[in-house]
């Protein structure tokens, strides 16, 4: 049996008859053979490593994205390195430089603190294909890349109409990008659609206030406290992800406000916790594992040269799940 046939079996690079494949794998097991990934990398000039940049390592969303990535990348022979910026621009720059020095074969940007376009440009110039997840697409227009995103415009309209139909007229949107980011959350497709829908239904611009902050429970707590202690407080809060919603729910408890009797709470995100929380949270669900799978497939296409054209963007449709945390606005 030729070494070429063995290589095809071990690397999955060409069809090999099942009987031959079985014989090769049996011999591999009997000999205790272990492929040398470093040697393979030297021959192919690839490291078979994909970098993933995230913000909050405690956010369950990123675990789901990684699950989808792993489903696609591991069978293709790739390992994953995860680096967390924790929402800090300086730390994110260090994360990206480290991944560049690791010579990753591809990069998924699952979340960004912003302000790092120059480092992403350097990775791109080094031939590293990239995929942006959700709002990252809008953060770095000067560094175009493939993307996977929710239909945020539809999500903004869905949430606005849901709360309007419940009688709410004053709102606070919690979260988004902090001051160092390259794009303001007030210009995000979600907030633009949200504010447009409110305006189309006769509400003044000051009916909704955006409180900026990174994706952390403590930030959600602080932002909710700010929003709910003004003289004319909102009757509904919208958190842009689950960690912020958790913080907002804790803030409502500490302020003595019942959800949803005193204030409604909805979240632009959906994980299992949202369903078992008390109250369960009204949410715009994201198919995070599917996002990861598509991102992995996009990277493999670029690495293999199957796609070399303009950036591709996969848009997932938005829907709304009404749970216990939103109800009709209570009248004083």
Protein backbone atom coordinates (compact mmCIF):
# COMPACT_ATOMS: atom_id res chain seq x y z
CA UNK A 1 0.00 0.00 0.00
CA UNK A 2 1.44 3.38 -0.99
CA UNK A 3 2.21 6.21 1.42
CA UNK A 4 -0.04 8.42 -0.73
CA UNK A 5 -3.05 6.22 0.01
CA UNK A 6 -2.27 6.30 3.73
CA UNK A 7 -2.02 10.10 3.56
CA UNK A 8 -5.41 10.37 1.84
CA UNK A 9 -7.01 8.21 4.53
CA UNK A 10 -5.50 10.14 7.44
CA UNK A 11 -6.14 13.59 5.97
CA UNK A 12 -9.44 12.91 4.22
CA UNK A 13 -8.12 14.50 1.03
CA UNK A 14 -9.48 11.94 -1.45
CA UNK A 15 -11.95 9.10 -1.60
CA UNK A 16 -10.45 5.74 -0.58
CA UNK A 17 -12.35 2.44 -0.81
CA UNK A 18 -13.85 1.44 2.54
CA UNK A 19 -11.94 -1.85 2.71
CA UNK A 20 -8.61 -0.07 2.15
CA UNK A 21 -9.52 2.68 4.61
CA UNK A 22 -10.32 0.05 7.26
CA UNK A 23 -6.94 -1.67 6.73
CA UNK A 24 -5.08 1.66 7.06
CA UNK A 25 -6.89 2.66 10.26
CA UNK A 26 -6.30 -0.79 11.75
CA UNK A 27 -2.57 -0.50 11.03
CA UNK A 28 -2.53 3.01 12.55
CA UNK A 29 -4.10 1.67 15.75
CA UNK A 30 -1.79 -1.33 15.91
CA UNK A 31 1.35 0.78 15.47
CA UNK A 32 0.18 3.58 17.74
CA UNK A 33 0.92 6.06 14.97
CA UNK A 34 0.41 9.72 15.86
CA UNK A 35 0.41 12.32 13.05
CA UNK A 36 2.88 15.19 13.52
CA UNK A 37 0.83 18.36 13.13
CA UNK A 38 3.96 20.56 13.22
CA UNK A 39 5.53 18.65 10.34
CA UNK A 40 2.29 18.81 8.39
CA UNK A 41 2.25 22.58 8.95
CA UNK A 42 5.80 22.96 7.65
CA UNK A 43 4.93 21.09 4.47
CA UNK A 44 1.68 22.94 3.82
CA UNK A 45 2.67 26.31 5.34
CA UNK A 46 -0.46 26.11 7.48
CA UNK A 47 -0.76 25.70 11.23
CA UNK A 48 -4.29 24.27 11.10
CA UNK A 49 -5.30 26.71 13.84
CA UNK A 50 -8.26 29.12 13.83
CA UNK A 51 -8.33 32.11 16.18
CA UNK A 52 -11.55 33.28 17.82
CA UNK A 53 -11.79 36.72 19.43
CA UNK A 54 -14.57 37.24 21.99
CA UNK A 55 -15.38 39.92 24.58
CA UNK A 56 -16.91 38.38 27.72
CA UNK A 57 -15.69 34.80 28.37
CA UNK A 58 -18.62 34.28 30.76
CA UNK A 59 -21.21 34.99 28.05
CA UNK A 60 -22.92 31.69 27.18
CA UNK A 61 -23.44 32.92 23.63
CA UNK A 62 -19.76 32.49 22.79
CA UNK A 63 -19.85 28.88 24.00
CA UNK A 64 -22.64 28.20 21.51
CA UNK A 65 -20.72 29.88 18.69
CA UNK A 66 -17.67 27.78 19.56
CA UNK A 67 -19.84 24.66 19.54
CA UNK A 68 -20.83 25.39 15.94
CA UNK A 69 -17.27 26.22 14.92
CA UNK A 70 -15.96 23.03 16.49
CA UNK A 71 -18.55 20.96 14.64
CA UNK A 72 -17.12 22.17 11.32
CA UNK A 73 -13.43 22.80 12.03
CA UNK A 74 -12.39 19.77 14.07
CA UNK A 75 -13.34 17.18 11.40
CA UNK A 76 -11.35 19.30 8.94
CA UNK A 77 -8.24 18.97 11.14
CA UNK A 78 -8.23 22.44 12.71
CA UNK A 79 -7.77 23.46 16.35
CA UNK A 80 -9.25 26.61 17.90
CA UNK A 81 -7.53 29.29 19.99
CA UNK A 82 -9.89 31.55 21.95
CA UNK A 83 -8.80 35.00 23.09
CA UNK A 84 -10.97 37.33 25.23
CA UNK A 85 -10.71 41.12 25.11
CA UNK A 86 -13.09 41.61 28.08
CA UNK A 87 -14.39 44.67 26.26
CA UNK A 88 -11.06 46.54 26.58
CA UNK A 89 -9.48 48.00 23.45
CA UNK A 90 -5.86 47.72 24.65
CA UNK A 91 -6.39 44.11 25.65
CA UNK A 92 -8.06 43.40 22.31
CA UNK A 93 -5.07 44.80 20.45
CA UNK A 94 -2.83 42.44 22.44
CA UNK A 95 -5.16 39.50 21.72
CA UNK A 96 -5.09 40.17 17.98
CA UNK A 97 -1.31 40.64 17.93
CA UNK A 98 -0.89 37.33 19.76
CA UNK A 99 -3.13 35.55 17.26
CA UNK A 100 -1.18 37.12 14.40
CA UNK A 101 2.08 35.92 15.93
CA UNK A 102 0.57 32.45 16.30
CA UNK A 103 0.14 32.49 12.50
CA UNK A 104 -3.52 31.46 12.69
CA UNK A 105 -5.01 30.27 9.41
CA UNK A 106 -8.26 32.15 9.96
CA UNK A 107 -9.99 34.44 12.45
CA UNK A 108 -13.54 34.68 13.77
CA UNK A 109 -14.36 37.96 15.51
CA UNK A 110 -17.31 37.12 17.75
CA UNK A 111 -17.23 40.41 19.63
CA UNK A 112 -15.08 43.51 19.67
CA UNK A 113 -14.35 46.47 21.90
CA UNK A 114 -13.55 48.42 18.73
CA UNK A 115 -10.61 50.64 17.93
CA UNK A 116 -8.55 47.79 16.46
CA UNK A 117 -9.08 48.21 12.72
CA UNK A 118 -5.35 48.70 12.11
CA UNK A 119 -4.50 45.33 13.69
CA UNK A 120 -7.24 43.61 11.68
CA UNK A 121 -5.81 45.24 8.55
CA UNK A 122 -2.43 43.73 9.37
CA UNK A 123 -3.97 40.26 9.76
CA UNK A 124 -5.79 40.69 6.46
CA UNK A 125 -2.57 41.80 4.76
CA UNK A 126 -0.91 38.66 6.13
CA UNK A 127 -3.49 36.63 4.21
CA UNK A 128 -5.67 35.65 7.18
CA UNK A 129 -9.33 35.22 6.17
CA UNK A 130 -11.79 36.59 8.70
CA UNK A 131 -15.45 36.22 9.61
CA UNK A 132 -17.35 38.79 11.67
CA UNK A 133 -20.30 37.85 13.88
CA UNK A 134 -23.31 40.16 14.23
CA UNK A 135 -22.54 43.82 15.09
CA UNK A 136 -18.83 43.42 14.37
CA UNK A 137 -19.75 43.71 10.68
CA UNK A 138 -20.75 47.35 11.23
CA UNK A 139 -17.77 48.15 13.47
CA UNK A 140 -15.10 47.65 10.82
CA UNK A 141 -16.36 48.82 7.40
CA UNK A 142 -12.76 49.71 6.48
CA UNK A 143 -11.72 46.05 6.93
CA UNK A 144 -14.38 44.12 4.98
CA UNK A 145 -14.73 40.41 5.67
CA UNK A 146 -17.30 37.63 5.50
CA UNK A 147 -20.04 37.93 8.10
CA UNK A 148 -22.82 36.06 9.87
CA UNK A 149 -25.55 38.15 11.43
CA UNK A 150 -29.09 38.38 12.69
CA UNK A 151 -31.49 40.62 10.76
CA UNK A 152 -31.15 43.43 13.29
CA UNK A 153 -33.45 45.79 11.44
CA UNK A 154 -36.28 43.28 11.68
CA UNK A 155 -35.38 42.60 15.32
CA UNK A 156 -35.55 46.30 16.19
CA UNK A 157 -38.96 46.63 14.61
CA UNK A 158 -40.29 43.45 16.24
CA UNK A 159 -39.27 44.47 19.75
CA UNK A 160 -40.50 48.04 19.32
CA UNK A 161 -43.91 46.93 18.06
CA UNK A 162 -44.22 44.32 20.81
CA UNK A 163 -43.65 46.86 23.57
CA UNK A 164 -45.76 49.55 21.89
CA UNK A 165 -48.67 47.13 21.62
CA UNK A 166 -48.35 46.56 25.37
CA UNK A 167 -48.81 50.30 25.93
CA UNK A 168 -45.22 51.30 26.72
CA UNK A 169 -44.14 54.80 25.73
CA UNK A 170 -40.81 55.38 27.51
CA UNK A 171 -37.81 53.10 27.00
CA UNK A 172 -34.16 52.54 27.84
CA UNK A 173 -31.81 50.49 25.65
CA UNK A 174 -28.98 48.98 27.66
CA UNK A 175 -25.59 48.13 26.20
CA UNK A 176 -23.74 48.29 22.97
CA UNK A 177 -20.30 49.66 22.33
CA UNK A 178 -18.36 51.82 24.73
CA UNK A 179 -16.70 55.14 23.83
CA UNK A 180 -13.48 53.67 22.31
CA UNK A 181 -15.41 51.71 19.68
CA UNK A 182 -15.26 52.57 16.01
CA UNK A 183 -19.04 52.59 15.69
CA UNK A 184 -21.66 54.02 18.01
CA UNK A 185 -24.50 51.79 19.20
CA UNK A 186 -26.87 54.61 18.29
CA UNK A 187 -25.96 53.91 14.65
CA UNK A 188 -26.42 50.14 14.83
CA UNK A 189 -29.07 48.63 12.51
CA UNK A 190 -31.03 47.44 15.56
CA UNK A 191 -31.24 50.84 17.24
CA UNK A 192 -31.91 52.63 13.94
CA UNK A 193 -34.87 50.32 13.23
CA UNK A 194 -36.01 50.53 16.86
CA UNK A 195 -36.03 54.35 16.84
CA UNK A 196 -37.59 54.53 13.39
CA UNK A 197 -40.45 52.30 14.52
CA UNK A 198 -41.04 54.42 17.63
CA UNK A 199 -41.05 57.59 15.50
CA UNK A 200 -43.45 56.05 12.97
CA UNK A 201 -45.82 55.42 15.87
CA UNK A 202 -45.80 59.03 17.02
CA UNK A 203 -43.15 58.96 19.75
CA UNK A 204 -40.66 61.79 20.22
CA UNK A 205 -36.90 61.09 19.98
CA UNK A 206 -36.47 61.41 23.75
CA UNK A 207 -38.92 58.54 24.36
CA UNK A 208 -35.95 56.14 24.15
CA UNK A 209 -32.49 56.62 25.68
CA UNK A 210 -29.46 54.46 24.80
CA UNK A 211 -27.10 53.70 27.70
CA UNK A 212 -23.75 52.53 26.34
CA UNK A 213 -21.75 49.75 27.97
CA UNK A 214 -19.85 46.53 27.35
CA UNK A 215 -21.29 43.03 27.76
CA UNK A 216 -20.99 42.36 31.50
CA UNK A 217 -23.52 41.67 34.24
CA UNK A 218 -22.09 44.46 36.39
CA UNK A 219 -22.45 46.91 33.52
CA UNK A 220 -26.07 45.87 32.96
CA UNK A 221 -26.70 46.47 36.67
CA UNK A 222 -25.18 49.95 36.60
CA UNK A 223 -26.91 50.97 33.37
CA UNK A 224 -30.31 49.79 34.63
CA UNK A 225 -29.81 51.71 37.88
CA UNK A 226 -29.04 54.85 35.87
CA UNK A 227 -32.08 54.40 33.65
CA UNK A 228 -34.53 53.58 36.46
CA UNK A 229 -33.59 56.36 38.88
CA UNK A 230 -34.39 59.33 36.63
CA UNK A 231 -37.50 61.42 37.33
CA UNK A 232 -39.48 60.15 34.34
CA UNK A 233 -38.23 56.58 34.33
CA UNK A 234 -38.87 54.18 31.44
CA UNK A 235 -41.58 51.55 31.73
CA UNK A 236 -39.58 49.10 29.57
CA UNK A 237 -35.92 48.13 29.27
CA UNK A 238 -34.26 46.45 26.30
CA UNK A 239 -30.92 44.73 27.01
CA UNK A 240 -28.72 44.02 24.00
CA UNK A 241 -27.54 40.66 25.37
CA UNK A 242 -28.13 38.23 28.23
CA UNK A 243 -25.33 39.35 30.62
CA UNK A 244 -26.74 42.88 30.48
CA UNK A 245 -30.26 41.52 31.04
CA UNK A 246 -29.07 39.57 34.10
CA UNK A 247 -27.58 42.75 35.54
CA UNK A 248 -30.77 44.69 34.76
CA UNK A 249 -32.93 42.07 36.48
CA UNK A 250 -30.75 42.28 39.60
CA UNK A 251 -30.97 46.08 39.54
CA UNK A 252 -34.76 45.95 39.39
CA UNK A 253 -34.77 43.66 42.40
CA UNK A 254 -32.48 45.93 44.42
CA UNK A 255 -34.53 49.00 43.48
CA UNK A 256 -37.70 47.27 44.65
CA UNK A 257 -39.20 47.14 41.16
CA UNK A 258 -41.17 44.10 40.06
CA UNK A 259 -40.64 42.71 36.58
CA UNK A 260 -42.94 43.00 34.70
CA UNK A 261 -45.49 44.79 36.97
CA UNK A 262 -43.35 47.92 37.45
CA UNK A 263 -41.02 47.64 34.47
CA UNK A 264 -40.89 45.29 31.49
CA UNK A 265 -37.59 43.76 30.34
CA UNK A 266 -36.74 42.26 26.95
CA UNK A 267 -33.42 41.01 25.58
CA UNK A 268 -31.86 40.92 22.12
CA UNK A 269 -30.53 37.41 22.71
CA UNK A 270 -31.82 34.06 23.90
CA UNK A 271 -30.08 31.33 25.88
CA UNK A 272 -31.46 28.63 28.16
CA UNK A 273 -31.11 30.90 31.20
CA UNK A 274 -33.70 33.28 29.71
CA UNK A 275 -36.28 30.49 29.75
CA UNK A 276 -35.71 29.39 33.36
CA UNK A 277 -35.20 32.84 34.92
CA UNK A 278 -37.90 34.19 37.18
CA UNK A 279 -39.54 35.84 35.36
CA UNK A 280 -38.62 34.19 32.06
CA UNK A 281 -37.35 36.78 29.59
CA UNK A 282 -39.01 37.94 26.39
CA UNK A 283 -36.31 37.58 23.76
CA UNK A 284 -35.17 37.78 20.16
CA UNK A 285 -33.53 34.35 19.68
CA UNK A 286 -30.25 33.85 17.86
CA UNK A 287 -29.25 30.49 16.38
CA UNK A 288 -25.73 30.86 17.80
CA UNK A 289 -24.50 27.34 16.97
CA UNK A 290 -25.65 27.84 13.39
CA UNK A 291 -23.76 31.15 13.31
CA UNK A 292 -20.62 29.24 14.32
CA UNK A 293 -21.17 26.52 11.72
CA UNK A 294 -21.59 29.05 8.90
CA UNK A 295 -18.55 31.01 10.09
CA UNK A 296 -16.47 27.82 10.06
CA UNK A 297 -17.66 26.91 6.57
CA UNK A 298 -16.86 30.43 5.30
CA UNK A 299 -13.30 30.15 6.66
CA UNK A 300 -12.70 26.71 5.19
CA UNK A 301 -13.90 27.96 1.80
CA UNK A 302 -11.44 30.87 1.94
CA UNK A 303 -8.52 28.76 3.17
CA UNK A 304 -9.07 26.13 0.47
CA UNK A 305 -9.44 28.77 -2.25
CA UNK A 306 -13.02 27.76 -3.03
CA UNK A 307 -14.08 31.38 -2.56
CA UNK A 308 -11.99 34.44 -3.37
CA UNK A 309 -14.56 37.07 -4.27
CA UNK A 310 -16.33 39.84 -2.39
CA UNK A 311 -17.26 39.34 1.27
CA UNK A 312 -20.29 37.14 1.86
CA UNK A 313 -22.85 37.85 4.57
CA UNK A 314 -25.30 35.24 5.86
CA UNK A 315 -28.35 36.94 7.43
CA UNK A 316 -30.52 34.92 9.81
CA UNK A 317 -34.19 35.98 10.15
CA UNK A 318 -35.43 37.55 13.39
CA UNK A 319 -38.36 36.38 15.49
CA UNK A 320 -39.71 37.24 18.94
CA UNK A 321 -40.59 34.96 21.87
CA UNK A 322 -43.00 36.57 24.34
CA UNK A 323 -42.40 35.38 27.89
CA UNK A 324 -43.21 36.60 31.40
CA UNK A 325 -40.88 39.62 31.60
CA UNK A 326 -42.99 41.90 29.37
CA UNK A 327 -46.60 42.84 30.06
CA UNK A 328 -49.00 45.74 29.61
CA UNK A 329 -47.77 49.01 31.05
CA UNK A 330 -49.14 49.58 34.50
CA UNK A 331 -50.91 52.89 35.06
CA UNK A 332 -49.94 54.95 38.13
